[in-house]
Amino acid sequence: FSFITPEEYLKQFPSNQVANPSASSWGEEGYWRVWLNETNEWIYPHLHIAQERMTQLVRQFPVPTPLQNRALKQAGRELLLAQSSDWPFILRTGTSPAYAKKRVKDHLLRFMVLHDHLLSAEVDEHWLAEIESRDNLFPEIDYRYWA
């Protein structure tokens, strides 16, 4: 028994079956309706805009100052938190929709404030420290992945 990489395996066994997996999910009815339906479809246009703006920010600040670096990292955190599949799931199931809606809006709002602060070259360090302490998961986040 030994470990090999996928590349090594393909060299040893070049003839393999081709498979085309079907789209499926553990969600209701076996697909993603839980995460995209009339109760939560409003989220996605906002997430797409934020995603595009994050990419623009990363490209606009290739060599950020230390403060800009912190703001870019936090913008990435806020975007990831806004994109959490928990929020549309909760909206669909109705367990606590007000909470889920608030979380999406709060993270998107913080993202937009960071975006505006970065573009205006006026990052509020006190406010940034406050939101960093509130949601500081992914301490080593690399915002350059959005480039």
N, C-alpha and C. Protein backbone atom coordinates (compact mmCIF):
# COMPACT_ATOMS: atom_id res chain seq x y z
N PHE A 1 0.85 -1.18 0.00
CA PHE A 1 0.00 0.00 0.00
C PHE A 1 0.89 1.23 0.00
N SER A 2 0.62 2.14 -0.91
CA SER A 2 1.39 3.39 -0.96
C SER A 2 0.52 4.50 -1.53
N PHE A 3 0.87 5.70 -1.19
CA PHE A 3 0.15 6.86 -1.68
C PHE A 3 0.80 7.34 -2.97
N ILE A 4 -0.05 7.77 -3.91
CA ILE A 4 0.46 8.37 -5.14
C ILE A 4 -0.42 9.57 -5.49
N THR A 5 0.11 10.42 -6.30
CA THR A 5 -0.66 11.59 -6.73
C THR A 5 -1.60 11.19 -7.85
N PRO A 6 -2.61 12.00 -8.13
CA PRO A 6 -3.49 11.71 -9.27
C PRO A 6 -2.71 11.61 -10.58
N GLU A 7 -1.71 12.46 -10.74
CA GLU A 7 -0.90 12.42 -11.96
C GLU A 7 -0.16 11.09 -12.09
N GLU A 8 0.40 10.61 -10.97
CA GLU A 8 1.10 9.32 -11.00
C GLU A 8 0.13 8.18 -11.31
N TYR A 9 -1.06 8.25 -10.74
CA TYR A 9 -2.06 7.21 -11.00
C TYR A 9 -2.40 7.16 -12.49
N LEU A 10 -2.62 8.31 -13.09
CA LEU A 10 -2.97 8.34 -14.51
C LEU A 10 -1.84 7.83 -15.39
N LYS A 11 -0.61 8.03 -14.97
CA LYS A 11 0.52 7.47 -15.72
C LYS A 11 0.54 5.95 -15.62
N GLN A 12 0.23 5.42 -14.44
CA GLN A 12 0.22 3.97 -14.24
C GLN A 12 -1.01 3.31 -14.87
N PHE A 13 -2.12 4.00 -14.86
CA PHE A 13 -3.39 3.45 -15.36
C PHE A 13 -4.02 4.45 -16.33
N PRO A 14 -3.49 4.56 -17.53
CA PRO A 14 -3.96 5.60 -18.46
C PRO A 14 -5.37 5.38 -19.01
N SER A 15 -5.87 4.17 -18.97
CA SER A 15 -7.20 3.89 -19.49
C SER A 15 -8.20 3.89 -18.34
N ASN A 16 -9.09 4.86 -18.33
CA ASN A 16 -10.07 4.99 -17.25
C ASN A 16 -11.45 5.23 -17.81
N GLN A 17 -12.44 4.92 -17.00
CA GLN A 17 -13.81 5.22 -17.39
C GLN A 17 -14.07 6.71 -17.26
N VAL A 18 -14.86 7.23 -18.17
CA VAL A 18 -15.25 8.62 -18.11
C VAL A 18 -16.63 8.69 -17.48
N ALA A 19 -16.79 9.59 -16.54
CA ALA A 19 -18.08 9.74 -15.87
C ALA A 19 -18.53 11.19 -15.96
N ASN A 20 -19.81 11.38 -16.10
CA ASN A 20 -20.41 12.71 -16.09
C ASN A 20 -21.37 12.77 -14.91
N PRO A 21 -20.91 13.29 -13.78
CA PRO A 21 -21.79 13.32 -12.61
C PRO A 21 -23.00 14.23 -12.83
N SER A 22 -24.09 13.83 -12.25
CA SER A 22 -25.32 14.62 -12.34
C SER A 22 -25.30 15.69 -11.26
N ALA A 23 -25.90 16.81 -11.58
CA ALA A 23 -26.06 17.85 -10.57
C ALA A 23 -27.05 17.35 -9.53
N SER A 24 -26.65 17.44 -8.28
CA SER A 24 -27.54 17.01 -7.21
C SER A 24 -27.12 17.68 -5.91
N SER A 25 -27.93 17.51 -4.90
CA SER A 25 -27.69 18.15 -3.62
C SER A 25 -28.39 17.36 -2.54
N TRP A 26 -27.99 17.58 -1.30
CA TRP A 26 -28.71 16.97 -0.20
C TRP A 26 -29.98 17.77 0.10
N GLY A 27 -30.15 18.89 -0.56
CA GLY A 27 -31.32 19.74 -0.33
C GLY A 27 -32.61 19.09 -0.77
N GLU A 28 -33.69 19.70 -0.37
CA GLU A 28 -35.03 19.22 -0.69
C GLU A 28 -35.16 18.88 -2.16
N GLU A 29 -35.70 17.73 -2.46
CA GLU A 29 -35.92 17.21 -3.81
C GLU A 29 -34.63 16.93 -4.57
N GLY A 30 -33.49 16.93 -3.87
CA GLY A 30 -32.23 16.53 -4.49
C GLY A 30 -31.53 17.57 -5.33
N TYR A 31 -31.97 18.79 -5.27
CA TYR A 31 -31.25 19.84 -5.99
C TYR A 31 -31.26 21.12 -5.15
N TRP A 32 -30.84 22.21 -5.69
CA TRP A 32 -30.55 23.41 -4.90
C TRP A 32 -31.72 24.37 -4.72
N ARG A 33 -32.93 23.89 -4.84
CA ARG A 33 -34.09 24.77 -4.67
C ARG A 33 -34.12 25.43 -3.29
N VAL A 34 -33.60 24.73 -2.30
CA VAL A 34 -33.54 25.31 -0.95
C VAL A 34 -32.77 26.63 -0.96
N TRP A 35 -31.74 26.71 -1.80
CA TRP A 35 -30.85 27.87 -1.81
C TRP A 35 -31.19 28.89 -2.88
N LEU A 36 -32.11 28.57 -3.76
CA LEU A 36 -32.52 29.53 -4.78
C LEU A 36 -34.00 29.35 -5.06
N ASN A 37 -34.79 30.25 -4.50
CA ASN A 37 -36.24 30.18 -4.65
C ASN A 37 -36.82 31.56 -4.36
N GLU A 38 -38.12 31.65 -4.35
CA GLU A 38 -38.77 32.95 -4.21
C GLU A 38 -38.51 33.63 -2.86
N THR A 39 -38.09 32.87 -1.84
CA THR A 39 -37.84 33.49 -0.53
C THR A 39 -36.45 34.09 -0.41
N ASN A 40 -35.53 33.68 -1.28
CA ASN A 40 -34.15 34.15 -1.11
C ASN A 40 -33.48 34.61 -2.40
N GLU A 41 -34.21 34.63 -3.50
CA GLU A 41 -33.59 34.99 -4.78
C GLU A 41 -33.08 36.43 -4.80
N TRP A 42 -33.59 37.27 -3.92
CA TRP A 42 -33.16 38.67 -3.85
C TRP A 42 -31.70 38.81 -3.45
N ILE A 43 -31.15 37.80 -2.79
CA ILE A 43 -29.77 37.87 -2.30
C ILE A 43 -28.76 37.89 -3.44
N TYR A 44 -28.99 37.08 -4.45
CA TYR A 44 -27.94 36.78 -5.43
C TYR A 44 -27.51 37.96 -6.31
N PRO A 45 -28.39 38.82 -6.76
CA PRO A 45 -27.88 39.98 -7.51
C PRO A 45 -26.92 40.84 -6.68
N HIS A 46 -27.22 40.99 -5.39
CA HIS A 46 -26.34 41.77 -4.51
C HIS A 46 -24.99 41.08 -4.33
N LEU A 47 -25.02 39.76 -4.18
CA LEU A 47 -23.77 39.02 -4.03
C LEU A 47 -22.92 39.11 -5.29
N HIS A 48 -23.56 39.06 -6.45
CA HIS A 48 -22.81 39.15 -7.71
C HIS A 48 -22.15 40.52 -7.86
N ILE A 49 -22.86 41.56 -7.50
CA ILE A 49 -22.28 42.91 -7.57
C ILE A 49 -21.09 43.02 -6.61
N ALA A 50 -21.27 42.52 -5.38
CA ALA A 50 -20.18 42.58 -4.40
C ALA A 50 -18.98 41.78 -4.89
N GLN A 51 -19.24 40.63 -5.48
CA GLN A 51 -18.16 39.80 -6.02
C GLN A 51 -17.36 40.57 -7.08
N GLU A 52 -18.06 41.22 -7.99
CA GLU A 52 -17.39 42.01 -9.03
C GLU A 52 -16.60 43.16 -8.42
N ARG A 53 -17.16 43.80 -7.42
CA ARG A 53 -16.47 44.92 -6.78
C ARG A 53 -15.23 44.45 -6.01
N MET A 54 -15.32 43.27 -5.42
CA MET A 54 -14.15 42.73 -4.72
C MET A 54 -13.02 42.49 -5.71
N THR A 55 -13.34 41.92 -6.84
CA THR A 55 -12.33 41.68 -7.88
C THR A 55 -11.70 43.00 -8.32
N GLN A 56 -12.52 44.02 -8.50
CA GLN A 56 -12.00 45.34 -8.89
C GLN A 56 -11.09 45.92 -7.82
N LEU A 57 -11.47 45.77 -6.55
CA LEU A 57 -10.64 46.29 -5.47
C LEU A 57 -9.26 45.63 -5.47
N VAL A 58 -9.25 44.33 -5.60
CA VAL A 58 -7.98 43.61 -5.57
C VAL A 58 -7.08 44.07 -6.70
N ARG A 59 -7.66 44.26 -7.86
CA ARG A 59 -6.87 44.72 -9.01
C ARG A 59 -6.42 46.17 -8.84
N GLN A 60 -7.23 46.97 -8.16
CA GLN A 60 -6.90 48.38 -7.98
C GLN A 60 -5.82 48.60 -6.92
N PHE A 61 -5.66 47.65 -6.00
CA PHE A 61 -4.68 47.80 -4.92
C PHE A 61 -3.68 46.64 -4.94
N PRO A 62 -2.83 46.57 -5.97
CA PRO A 62 -1.88 45.46 -6.06
C PRO A 62 -0.82 45.48 -4.96
N VAL A 63 -0.49 46.66 -4.47
CA VAL A 63 0.48 46.80 -3.37
C VAL A 63 -0.15 47.73 -2.32
N PRO A 64 -1.03 47.18 -1.49
CA PRO A 64 -1.75 48.03 -0.54
C PRO A 64 -0.88 48.44 0.64
N THR A 65 -1.27 49.54 1.26
CA THR A 65 -0.66 49.94 2.52
C THR A 65 -1.11 48.94 3.59
N PRO A 66 -0.48 48.93 4.76
CA PRO A 66 -0.95 48.01 5.81
C PRO A 66 -2.44 48.20 6.16
N LEU A 67 -2.90 49.44 6.20
CA LEU A 67 -4.32 49.69 6.50
C LEU A 67 -5.22 49.21 5.36
N GLN A 68 -4.83 49.48 4.13
CA GLN A 68 -5.60 48.98 2.99
C GLN A 68 -5.61 47.45 2.98
N ASN A 69 -4.50 46.84 3.34
CA ASN A 69 -4.42 45.38 3.40
C ASN A 69 -5.45 44.83 4.39
N ARG A 70 -5.52 45.44 5.56
CA ARG A 70 -6.51 45.01 6.55
C ARG A 70 -7.93 45.18 6.02
N ALA A 71 -8.18 46.31 5.37
CA ALA A 71 -9.52 46.58 4.83
C ALA A 71 -9.87 45.58 3.73
N LEU A 72 -8.92 45.25 2.88
CA LEU A 72 -9.16 44.27 1.82
C LEU A 72 -9.43 42.89 2.40
N LYS A 73 -8.68 42.51 3.42
CA LYS A 73 -8.92 41.22 4.07
C LYS A 73 -10.31 41.17 4.70
N GLN A 74 -10.69 42.27 5.36
CA GLN A 74 -12.01 42.29 5.98
C GLN A 74 -13.11 42.31 4.93
N ALA A 75 -12.89 42.99 3.83
CA ALA A 75 -13.87 42.97 2.74
C ALA A 75 -14.07 41.53 2.25
N GLY A 76 -12.98 40.78 2.13
CA GLY A 76 -13.10 39.38 1.74
C GLY A 76 -13.89 38.58 2.76
N ARG A 77 -13.63 38.81 4.03
CA ARG A 77 -14.39 38.11 5.09
C ARG A 77 -15.88 38.43 4.99
N GLU A 78 -16.18 39.71 4.85
CA GLU A 78 -17.59 40.12 4.79
C GLU A 78 -18.28 39.50 3.58
N LEU A 79 -17.58 39.44 2.46
CA LEU A 79 -18.18 38.83 1.27
C LEU A 79 -18.42 37.35 1.50
N LEU A 80 -17.45 36.65 2.06
CA LEU A 80 -17.65 35.22 2.34
C LEU A 80 -18.79 35.00 3.32
N LEU A 81 -18.88 35.83 4.33
CA LEU A 81 -19.97 35.69 5.30
C LEU A 81 -21.32 35.98 4.66
N ALA A 82 -21.38 36.96 3.78
CA ALA A 82 -22.63 37.25 3.08
C ALA A 82 -23.03 36.10 2.17
N GLN A 83 -22.04 35.38 1.63
CA GLN A 83 -22.30 34.28 0.71
C GLN A 83 -22.62 32.97 1.40
N SER A 84 -22.61 32.94 2.71
CA SER A 84 -22.87 31.70 3.44
C SER A 84 -24.19 31.08 3.00
N SER A 85 -24.17 29.79 2.75
CA SER A 85 -25.40 29.10 2.33
C SER A 85 -26.41 28.99 3.46
N ASP A 86 -25.98 29.29 4.68
CA ASP A 86 -26.91 29.25 5.81
C ASP A 86 -28.06 30.24 5.63
N TRP A 87 -27.75 31.42 5.13
CA TRP A 87 -28.78 32.48 5.07
C TRP A 87 -29.92 32.12 4.12
N PRO A 88 -29.67 31.74 2.87
CA PRO A 88 -30.80 31.35 2.03
C PRO A 88 -31.50 30.09 2.54
N PHE A 89 -30.75 29.20 3.16
CA PHE A 89 -31.36 27.99 3.73
C PHE A 89 -32.35 28.38 4.83
N ILE A 90 -31.93 29.26 5.72
CA ILE A 90 -32.80 29.70 6.82
C ILE A 90 -34.01 30.46 6.28
N LEU A 91 -33.79 31.29 5.27
CA LEU A 91 -34.92 32.01 4.67
C LEU A 91 -35.94 31.04 4.10
N ARG A 92 -35.47 29.98 3.46
CA ARG A 92 -36.37 28.99 2.85
C ARG A 92 -37.12 28.20 3.92
N THR A 93 -36.40 27.75 4.94
CA THR A 93 -37.04 26.91 5.96
C THR A 93 -37.90 27.73 6.92
N GLY A 94 -37.63 29.03 6.98
CA GLY A 94 -38.44 29.90 7.84
C GLY A 94 -38.13 29.78 9.31
N THR A 95 -37.00 29.18 9.68
CA THR A 95 -36.70 29.00 11.11
C THR A 95 -36.43 30.33 11.82
N SER A 96 -35.71 31.22 11.19
CA SER A 96 -35.50 32.58 11.73
C SER A 96 -35.13 33.51 10.58
N PRO A 97 -36.09 33.76 9.70
CA PRO A 97 -35.80 34.54 8.49
C PRO A 97 -35.34 35.97 8.76
N ALA A 98 -35.84 36.60 9.80
CA ALA A 98 -35.41 37.97 10.09
C ALA A 98 -33.92 38.00 10.42
N TYR A 99 -33.46 37.01 11.16
CA TYR A 99 -32.04 36.92 11.50
C TYR A 99 -31.20 36.71 10.24
N ALA A 100 -31.61 35.79 9.39
CA ALA A 100 -30.86 35.51 8.16
C ALA A 100 -30.80 36.73 7.26
N LYS A 101 -31.93 37.40 7.11
CA LYS A 101 -31.98 38.60 6.27
C LYS A 101 -31.05 39.68 6.82
N LYS A 102 -31.07 39.84 8.14
CA LYS A 102 -30.21 40.84 8.79
C LYS A 102 -28.74 40.50 8.57
N ARG A 103 -28.38 39.24 8.69
CA ARG A 103 -26.98 38.86 8.51
C ARG A 103 -26.51 39.14 7.09
N VAL A 104 -27.30 38.77 6.10
CA VAL A 104 -26.92 39.06 4.71
C VAL A 104 -26.74 40.55 4.52
N LYS A 105 -27.72 41.32 4.96
CA LYS A 105 -27.66 42.77 4.78
C LYS A 105 -26.49 43.40 5.53
N ASP A 106 -26.26 42.95 6.77
CA ASP A 106 -25.15 43.50 7.55
C ASP A 106 -23.81 43.25 6.88
N HIS A 107 -23.58 42.03 6.43
CA HIS A 107 -22.29 41.71 5.80
C HIS A 107 -22.13 42.45 4.47
N LEU A 108 -23.20 42.55 3.70
CA LEU A 108 -23.10 43.29 2.44
C LEU A 108 -22.90 44.78 2.69
N LEU A 109 -23.56 45.32 3.69
CA LEU A 109 -23.38 46.73 4.02
C LEU A 109 -21.94 47.00 4.46
N ARG A 110 -21.41 46.16 5.33
CA ARG A 110 -20.01 46.34 5.75
C ARG A 110 -19.07 46.22 4.56
N PHE A 111 -19.35 45.27 3.68
CA PHE A 111 -18.52 45.15 2.48
C PHE A 111 -18.56 46.45 1.68
N MET A 112 -19.75 47.00 1.47
CA MET A 112 -19.88 48.21 0.66
C MET A 112 -19.19 49.41 1.32
N VAL A 113 -19.27 49.50 2.64
CA VAL A 113 -18.58 50.59 3.33
C VAL A 113 -17.07 50.44 3.15
N LEU A 114 -16.56 49.23 3.30
CA LEU A 114 -15.12 49.00 3.08
C LEU A 114 -14.74 49.35 1.65
N HIS A 115 -15.56 48.93 0.71
CA HIS A 115 -15.32 49.24 -0.70
C HIS A 115 -15.21 50.76 -0.90
N ASP A 116 -16.18 51.48 -0.37
CA ASP A 116 -16.20 52.94 -0.52
C ASP A 116 -15.02 53.59 0.19
N HIS A 117 -14.69 53.10 1.39
CA HIS A 117 -13.54 53.64 2.12
C HIS A 117 -12.25 53.44 1.33
N LEU A 118 -12.08 52.26 0.78
CA LEU A 118 -10.86 51.99 0.00
C LEU A 118 -10.77 52.90 -1.22
N LEU A 119 -11.87 53.04 -1.93
CA LEU A 119 -11.85 53.86 -3.14
C LEU A 119 -11.65 55.35 -2.85
N SER A 120 -12.12 55.79 -1.70
CA SER A 120 -11.96 57.20 -1.34
C SER A 120 -10.66 57.45 -0.58
N ALA A 121 -9.88 56.40 -0.35
CA ALA A 121 -8.61 56.50 0.40
C ALA A 121 -8.84 57.04 1.81
N GLU A 122 -9.99 56.70 2.39
CA GLU A 122 -10.32 57.17 3.74
C GLU A 122 -10.83 56.00 4.59
N VAL A 123 -9.98 55.00 4.79
CA VAL A 123 -10.38 53.86 5.61
C VAL A 123 -10.43 54.30 7.07
N ASP A 124 -11.56 54.10 7.69
CA ASP A 124 -11.76 54.45 9.10
C ASP A 124 -11.16 53.33 9.95
N GLU A 125 -9.97 53.57 10.48
CA GLU A 125 -9.25 52.51 11.20
C GLU A 125 -9.98 52.05 12.46
N HIS A 126 -10.62 52.97 13.16
CA HIS A 126 -11.36 52.61 14.37
C HIS A 126 -12.53 51.69 14.02
N TRP A 127 -13.31 52.05 13.01
CA TRP A 127 -14.44 51.23 12.58
C TRP A 127 -13.95 49.88 12.06
N LEU A 128 -12.86 49.89 11.30
CA LEU A 128 -12.30 48.65 10.78
C LEU A 128 -11.92 47.72 11.92
N ALA A 129 -11.25 48.24 12.95
CA ALA A 129 -10.86 47.42 14.10
C ALA A 129 -12.09 46.83 14.78
N GLU A 130 -13.15 47.62 14.85
CA GLU A 130 -14.39 47.14 15.48
C GLU A 130 -14.98 45.95 14.71
N ILE A 131 -15.07 46.07 13.39
CA ILE A 131 -15.67 44.95 12.64
C ILE A 131 -14.70 43.78 12.51
N GLU A 132 -13.41 44.04 12.55
CA GLU A 132 -12.44 42.93 12.57
C GLU A 132 -12.62 42.10 13.83
N SER A 133 -12.87 42.77 14.95
CA SER A 133 -13.03 42.04 16.22
C SER A 133 -14.36 41.29 16.25
N ARG A 134 -15.33 41.78 15.53
CA ARG A 134 -16.66 41.16 15.50
C ARG A 134 -16.65 39.89 14.65
N ASP A 135 -16.07 39.96 13.48
CA ASP A 135 -16.05 38.83 12.55
C ASP A 135 -14.63 38.63 12.04
N ASN A 136 -13.82 37.94 12.82
CA ASN A 136 -12.42 37.78 12.44
C ASN A 136 -12.07 36.33 12.15
N LEU A 137 -12.97 35.64 11.48
CA LEU A 137 -12.62 34.30 11.04
C LEU A 137 -11.69 34.42 9.84
N PHE A 138 -11.09 33.34 9.47
CA PHE A 138 -10.12 33.31 8.37
C PHE A 138 -9.02 34.36 8.58
N PRO A 139 -8.25 34.27 9.68
CA PRO A 139 -7.24 35.30 9.93
C PRO A 139 -6.19 35.40 8.83
N GLU A 140 -5.96 34.33 8.12
CA GLU A 140 -4.94 34.34 7.06
C GLU A 140 -5.57 34.47 5.67
N ILE A 141 -6.76 35.00 5.59
CA ILE A 141 -7.45 35.11 4.30
C ILE A 141 -6.56 35.85 3.29
N ASP A 142 -6.54 35.35 2.08
CA ASP A 142 -5.78 36.00 1.02
C ASP A 142 -6.77 36.58 0.02
N TYR A 143 -7.01 37.86 0.13
CA TYR A 143 -7.99 38.53 -0.73
C TYR A 143 -7.57 38.50 -2.20
N ARG A 144 -6.31 38.20 -2.47
CA ARG A 144 -5.84 38.18 -3.87
C ARG A 144 -6.48 37.05 -4.68
N TYR A 145 -7.10 36.09 -4.00
CA TYR A 145 -7.81 35.03 -4.72
C TYR A 145 -8.93 35.60 -5.58
N TRP A 146 -9.40 36.78 -5.24
CA TRP A 146 -10.48 37.40 -6.02
C TRP A 146 -9.97 38.09 -7.29
N ALA A 147 -8.67 38.13 -7.47
CA ALA A 147 -8.10 38.84 -8.64
C ALA A 147 -8.43 38.13 -9.94
